[in-house]
Amino acid sequence: QVQLMESGGGLVQAGGSLRLSCAASGGTFSSYTMGWFRQAPGKEREFVAAISWSGGSTYYADSVKGRFTISRDNAKNTVYLQMNSLKPEDTAVYYCALARFSLAMPVTSAEYDYWGQGTQVTVSS
């Protein structure tokens, strides 16, 4: 059973940076596409970024493109989300997720099989 654990969330001022980490255990991490999603209060969970099993392909939501960078270290079973130039609208609980089967870069929640518990990111104006 795969388990995912996020860390690195917190409170930051607008324009600041945070790096989220997601550590995986219980599976062959290096074989799977990983993604980050977020959910703000009163809103649906939305896709943020995804990275292929090798790290060779990445995909971003338009709202974070150019500000966020997803990366992974398969030797450490960890995926990262570097968030720069943060805005108040980035405030949300951020979740990492693992997709076992993906022919293309998965961007919907339904395409992911395992989820972390989430980490809160709050950006003050």
C-alpha atoms as a PDB file:
ATOM      1  CA  GLN A   1       0.000   0.000   0.000  1.00  0.00           C
ATOM      2  CA  VAL A   2       1.457   3.308  -1.092  1.00  0.00           C
ATOM      3  CA  GLN A   3       1.580   6.077   1.488  1.00  0.00           C
ATOM      4  CA  LEU A   4       2.262   9.723   0.730  1.00  0.00           C
ATOM      5  CA  MET A   5       3.240  12.356   3.258  1.00  0.00           C
ATOM      6  CA  GLU A   6       3.442  16.066   2.424  1.00  0.00           C
ATOM      7  CA  SER A   7       5.463  18.628   4.321  1.00  0.00           C
ATOM      8  CA  GLY A   8       6.718  22.172   3.912  1.00  0.00           C
ATOM      9  CA  GLY A   9       3.506  24.151   4.082  1.00  0.00           C
ATOM     10  CA  GLY A  10       3.173  27.296   6.143  1.00  0.00           C
ATOM     11  CA  LEU A  11       2.412  30.996   6.223  1.00  0.00           C
ATOM     12  CA  VAL A  12       4.240  33.268   3.793  1.00  0.00           C
ATOM     13  CA  GLN A  13       3.816  36.829   2.561  1.00  0.00           C
ATOM     14  CA  ALA A  14       2.794  37.551  -0.995  1.00  0.00           C
ATOM     15  CA  GLY A  15       5.798  37.401  -3.276  1.00  0.00           C
ATOM     16  CA  GLY A  16       7.519  34.849  -1.090  1.00  0.00           C
ATOM     17  CA  SER A  17       8.472  31.234  -1.717  1.00  0.00           C
ATOM     18  CA  LEU A  18       7.837  27.816  -0.236  1.00  0.00           C
ATOM     19  CA  ARG A  19       8.977  24.338  -1.181  1.00  0.00           C
ATOM     20  CA  LEU A  20       6.632  21.451  -0.567  1.00  0.00           C
ATOM     21  CA  SER A  21       7.873  17.895  -0.294  1.00  0.00           C
ATOM     22  CA  CYS A  22       6.000  14.631  -0.640  1.00  0.00           C
ATOM     23  CA  ALA A  23       7.657  11.458   0.597  1.00  0.00           C
ATOM     24  CA  ALA A  24       6.359   8.144  -0.718  1.00  0.00           C
ATOM     25  CA  SER A  25       6.597   4.713   0.849  1.00  0.00           C
ATOM     26  CA  GLY A  26       5.213   1.250   0.233  1.00  0.00           C
ATOM     27  CA  GLY A  27       5.526   1.135  -3.537  1.00  0.00           C
ATOM     28  CA  THR A  28       7.774   1.494  -6.558  1.00  0.00           C
ATOM     29  CA  PHE A  29       7.772   5.269  -6.551  1.00  0.00           C
ATOM     30  CA  SER A  30      10.030   5.636  -9.571  1.00  0.00           C
ATOM     31  CA  SER A  31       7.503   3.888 -11.840  1.00  0.00           C
ATOM     32  CA  TYR A  32       4.654   6.344 -11.404  1.00  0.00           C
ATOM     33  CA  THR A  33       3.522   9.777 -12.451  1.00  0.00           C
ATOM     34  CA  MET A  34       3.161  12.157  -9.519  1.00  0.00           C
ATOM     35  CA  GLY A  35       0.985  15.210  -9.215  1.00  0.00           C
ATOM     36  CA  TRP A  36       0.150  18.120  -6.966  1.00  0.00           C
ATOM     37  CA  PHE A  37      -3.377  19.402  -6.408  1.00  0.00           C
ATOM     38  CA  ARG A  38      -4.797  22.092  -4.150  1.00  0.00           C
ATOM     39  CA  GLN A  39      -8.125  22.878  -2.564  1.00  0.00           C
ATOM     40  CA  ALA A  40      -9.127  26.281  -1.261  1.00  0.00           C
ATOM     41  CA  PRO A  41     -12.014  26.729   1.184  1.00  0.00           C
ATOM     42  CA  GLY A  42     -15.348  26.408  -0.579  1.00  0.00           C
ATOM     43  CA  LYS A  43     -13.746  25.364  -3.852  1.00  0.00           C
ATOM     44  CA  GLU A  44     -13.171  22.097  -5.637  1.00  0.00           C
ATOM     45  CA  ARG A  45      -9.803  20.415  -5.678  1.00  0.00           C
ATOM     46  CA  GLU A  46      -7.795  21.624  -8.662  1.00  0.00           C
ATOM     47  CA  PHE A  47      -4.791  20.366 -10.551  1.00  0.00           C
ATOM     48  CA  VAL A  48      -1.515  22.216 -10.027  1.00  0.00           C
ATOM     49  CA  ALA A  49       1.310  20.226 -11.621  1.00  0.00           C
ATOM     50  CA  ALA A  50       2.378  16.742 -12.664  1.00  0.00           C
ATOM     51  CA  ILE A  51       5.663  15.011 -13.438  1.00  0.00           C
ATOM     52  CA  SER A  52       6.349  11.796 -15.315  1.00  0.00           C
ATOM     53  CA  TRP A  53       8.042   8.792 -13.722  1.00  0.00           C
ATOM     54  CA  SER A  54      11.461   9.809 -15.050  1.00  0.00           C
ATOM     55  CA  GLY A  55      11.045  13.508 -14.424  1.00  0.00           C
ATOM     56  CA  GLY A  56      11.477  14.134 -18.125  1.00  0.00           C
ATOM     57  CA  SER A  57       7.993  15.542 -18.635  1.00  0.00           C
ATOM     58  CA  THR A  58       6.128  18.081 -16.569  1.00  0.00           C
ATOM     59  CA  TYR A  59       2.808  19.843 -16.912  1.00  0.00           C
ATOM     60  CA  TYR A  60       1.367  22.845 -15.095  1.00  0.00           C
ATOM     61  CA  ALA A  61      -1.934  24.566 -14.604  1.00  0.00           C
ATOM     62  CA  ASP A  62      -1.982  27.940 -16.324  1.00  0.00           C
ATOM     63  CA  SER A  63      -2.473  29.651 -12.970  1.00  0.00           C
ATOM     64  CA  VAL A  64       0.951  28.525 -11.701  1.00  0.00           C
ATOM     65  CA  LYS A  65       2.974  28.268 -14.893  1.00  0.00           C
ATOM     66  CA  GLY A  66       6.210  30.203 -14.615  1.00  0.00           C
ATOM     67  CA  ARG A  67       5.950  30.449 -10.815  1.00  0.00           C
ATOM     68  CA  PHE A  68       5.853  26.822  -9.634  1.00  0.00           C
ATOM     69  CA  THR A  69       8.272  24.019 -10.467  1.00  0.00           C
ATOM     70  CA  ILE A  70       7.633  20.331  -9.893  1.00  0.00           C
ATOM     71  CA  SER A  71      10.579  17.962  -9.565  1.00  0.00           C
ATOM     72  CA  ARG A  72      11.353  14.543  -8.157  1.00  0.00           C
ATOM     73  CA  ASP A  73      14.218  12.558  -6.671  1.00  0.00           C
ATOM     74  CA  ASN A  74      13.540   8.886  -7.267  1.00  0.00           C
ATOM     75  CA  ALA A  75      16.472   7.863  -5.090  1.00  0.00           C
ATOM     76  CA  LYS A  76      14.726   9.573  -2.168  1.00  0.00           C
ATOM     77  CA  ASN A  77      11.171   8.603  -3.177  1.00  0.00           C
ATOM     78  CA  THR A  78      10.249  12.263  -2.983  1.00  0.00           C
ATOM     79  CA  VAL A  79       8.490  14.761  -5.212  1.00  0.00           C
ATOM     80  CA  TYR A  80       8.803  18.504  -4.700  1.00  0.00           C
ATOM     81  CA  LEU A  81       6.832  21.618  -5.548  1.00  0.00           C
ATOM     82  CA  GLN A  82       8.865  24.810  -5.538  1.00  0.00           C
ATOM     83  CA  MET A  83       6.480  27.750  -5.298  1.00  0.00           C
ATOM     84  CA  ASN A  84       7.781  31.241  -6.063  1.00  0.00           C
ATOM     85  CA  SER A  85       6.082  34.621  -6.380  1.00  0.00           C
ATOM     86  CA  LEU A  86       3.250  33.376  -4.231  1.00  0.00           C
ATOM     87  CA  LYS A  87      -0.092  35.167  -4.343  1.00  0.00           C
ATOM     88  CA  PRO A  88      -2.956  35.234  -1.839  1.00  0.00           C
ATOM     89  CA  GLU A  89      -5.006  33.198  -4.302  1.00  0.00           C
ATOM     90  CA  ASP A  90      -2.499  30.364  -3.928  1.00  0.00           C
ATOM     91  CA  THR A  91      -3.784  29.839  -0.383  1.00  0.00           C
ATOM     92  CA  ALA A  92      -5.077  26.267  -0.141  1.00  0.00           C
ATOM     93  CA  VAL A  93      -4.412  22.820   1.205  1.00  0.00           C
ATOM     94  CA  TYR A  94      -1.916  21.199  -1.139  1.00  0.00           C
ATOM     95  CA  TYR A  95      -2.039  17.471  -1.827  1.00  0.00           C
ATOM     96  CA  CYS A  96       0.374  15.190  -3.606  1.00  0.00           C
ATOM     97  CA  ALA A  97      -0.953  12.207  -5.509  1.00  0.00           C
ATOM     98  CA  LEU A  98       0.292   9.145  -7.373  1.00  0.00           C
ATOM     99  CA  ALA A  99      -1.118   7.771 -10.610  1.00  0.00           C
ATOM    100  CA  ARG A 100      -0.464   4.087 -11.225  1.00  0.00           C
ATOM    101  CA  PHE A 101      -1.643   4.034 -14.825  1.00  0.00           C
ATOM    102  CA  SER A 102      -1.322   6.999 -17.136  1.00  0.00           C
ATOM    103  CA  LEU A 103      -0.988   7.049 -20.894  1.00  0.00           C
ATOM    104  CA  ALA A 104      -0.824  10.831 -20.914  1.00  0.00           C
ATOM    105  CA  MET A 105      -0.105  13.396 -18.219  1.00  0.00           C
ATOM    106  CA  PRO A 106      -2.998  13.038 -15.764  1.00  0.00           C
ATOM    107  CA  VAL A 107      -4.663  16.290 -14.749  1.00  0.00           C
ATOM    108  CA  THR A 108      -7.888  15.166 -13.050  1.00  0.00           C
ATOM    109  CA  SER A 109      -8.335  13.818  -9.540  1.00  0.00           C
ATOM    110  CA  ALA A 110      -9.958  10.661 -10.882  1.00  0.00           C
ATOM    111  CA  GLU A 111      -6.735   9.666 -12.651  1.00  0.00           C
ATOM    112  CA  TYR A 112      -4.797   9.448  -9.385  1.00  0.00           C
ATOM    113  CA  ASP A 113      -4.916   6.447  -7.084  1.00  0.00           C
ATOM    114  CA  TYR A 114      -3.174   7.495  -3.875  1.00  0.00           C
ATOM    115  CA  TRP A 115      -3.259  10.768  -1.976  1.00  0.00           C
ATOM    116  CA  GLY A 116      -1.436  12.391   0.877  1.00  0.00           C
ATOM    117  CA  GLN A 117      -3.155  14.040   3.807  1.00  0.00           C
ATOM    118  CA  GLY A 118      -2.400  17.563   2.601  1.00  0.00           C
ATOM    119  CA  THR A 119      -0.389  20.505   3.860  1.00  0.00           C
ATOM    120  CA  GLN A 120      -1.722  24.027   4.384  1.00  0.00           C
ATOM    121  CA  VAL A 121      -0.244  26.926   2.450  1.00  0.00           C
ATOM    122  CA  THR A 122      -1.380  30.396   3.453  1.00  0.00           C
ATOM    123  CA  VAL A 123      -0.254  33.485   1.564  1.00  0.00           C
ATOM    124  CA  SER A 124      -0.901  36.813   3.237  1.00  0.00           C
ATOM    125  CA  SER A 125      -1.316  40.031   1.294  1.00  0.00           C
END
